[in-house]
Protein backbone atom coordinates (compact mmCIF):
# COMPACT_ATOMS: atom_id res chain seq x y z
CA UNK A 1 168.25 121.37 29.08
CA UNK A 2 167.10 118.86 26.54
CA UNK A 3 167.68 118.55 22.76
CA UNK A 4 165.28 116.30 20.82
CA UNK A 5 165.67 115.27 17.18
CA UNK A 6 164.98 112.39 14.79
CA UNK A 7 167.18 110.51 12.34
CA UNK A 8 166.69 107.72 9.82
CA UNK A 9 169.61 105.65 11.14
CA UNK A 10 172.51 105.52 13.60
CA UNK A 11 175.19 106.17 10.98
CA UNK A 12 174.01 109.69 10.13
CA UNK A 13 174.45 110.72 13.77
CA UNK A 14 177.49 108.62 14.71
CA UNK A 15 179.49 109.81 11.70
CA UNK A 16 178.58 113.49 12.19
CA UNK A 17 181.54 114.13 14.50
CA UNK A 18 179.36 115.54 17.29
CA UNK A 19 180.62 113.13 19.95
CA UNK A 20 177.85 110.52 20.17
CA UNK A 21 179.48 107.39 21.61
CA UNK A 22 179.26 104.53 24.14
CA UNK A 23 175.87 103.36 22.83
CA UNK A 24 174.50 100.43 24.82
CA UNK A 25 171.07 98.76 25.02
CA UNK A 26 168.53 99.73 27.66
CA UNK A 27 165.99 97.48 29.41
CA UNK A 28 163.36 97.88 26.69
CA UNK A 29 163.95 96.39 23.24
CA UNK A 30 165.20 98.77 20.55
CA UNK A 31 166.13 101.52 23.03
CA UNK A 32 169.68 102.69 23.62
CA UNK A 33 171.61 105.14 25.79
CA UNK A 34 175.06 106.64 25.67
CA UNK A 35 177.21 109.75 26.05
CA UNK A 36 177.85 112.83 23.99
CA UNK A 37 181.46 113.93 24.46
CA UNK A 38 182.63 116.86 22.38
CA UNK A 39 185.07 119.64 23.21
CA UNK A 40 182.23 122.22 23.08
CA UNK A 41 179.39 120.26 24.73
CA UNK A 42 178.67 117.10 26.64
CA UNK A 43 175.67 115.21 27.89
CA UNK A 44 173.87 111.90 27.94
CA UNK A 45 171.44 110.60 25.37
CA UNK A 46 168.67 108.08 24.96
CA UNK A 47 167.33 106.95 21.62
CA UNK A 48 164.85 104.42 20.35
CA UNK A 49 163.00 103.42 17.24
CA UNK A 50 159.71 105.21 16.80
CA UNK A 51 157.33 103.01 14.82
CA UNK A 52 155.02 104.55 12.28
CA UNK A 53 151.72 103.09 11.11
CA UNK A 54 152.18 104.56 7.65
CA UNK A 55 153.64 101.94 5.32
CA UNK A 56 155.05 104.65 3.06
CA UNK A 57 157.11 106.24 5.84
CA UNK A 58 160.26 104.72 7.27
CA UNK A 59 160.60 104.23 11.03
CA UNK A 60 162.79 106.87 12.69
CA UNK A 61 165.10 107.06 15.67
CA UNK A 62 164.01 109.56 18.32
CA UNK A 63 167.03 111.03 20.14
CA UNK A 64 166.88 112.90 23.47
CA UNK A 65 170.10 114.54 24.71
CA UNK A 66 170.27 116.00 28.23
CA UNK A 67 172.93 118.35 29.53
CA UNK A 68 173.69 121.97 30.34
CA UNK A 69 173.34 125.16 28.27
CA UNK A 70 176.28 124.19 26.05
CA UNK A 71 173.87 121.87 24.23
CA UNK A 72 172.66 124.95 22.32
CA UNK A 73 175.84 124.46 20.29
CA UNK A 74 174.90 120.84 19.55
CA UNK A 75 171.40 121.92 18.50
CA UNK A 76 172.84 124.51 16.12
CA UNK A 77 175.29 121.98 14.67
CA UNK A 78 172.52 119.41 14.11
CA UNK A 79 170.39 122.03 12.36
CA UNK A 80 173.22 122.76 9.93
CA UNK A 81 173.22 119.05 9.01
CA UNK A 82 169.49 119.21 8.21
CA UNK A 83 168.02 117.64 11.33
CA UNK A 84 164.79 119.09 12.77
CA UNK A 85 165.72 119.96 16.35
CA UNK A 86 163.65 120.96 19.38
CA UNK A 87 165.30 122.52 22.44
CA UNK A 88 163.48 122.31 25.78
CA UNK A 89 164.23 123.40 29.32
CA UNK A 90 164.00 120.68 31.98
């Protein structure tokens, strides 16, 4: 299963208490990967800056979290914090 969402920065996700940790750079610039370790769900994530051509809009981080069905709990928790979340089956 896959959970996809966007954020304005790293701090809003890292400080949420949902277990996002171990962020490290990937081969491409401005892309990162890490783990999600929480007592109710776990998985791996990738994120990267998504550039926008609109000068009035701020660039956003696109997060993709992969794991098992327990990620439904993560998706619900992110929605309560105001994130727009998409859940997809792999």
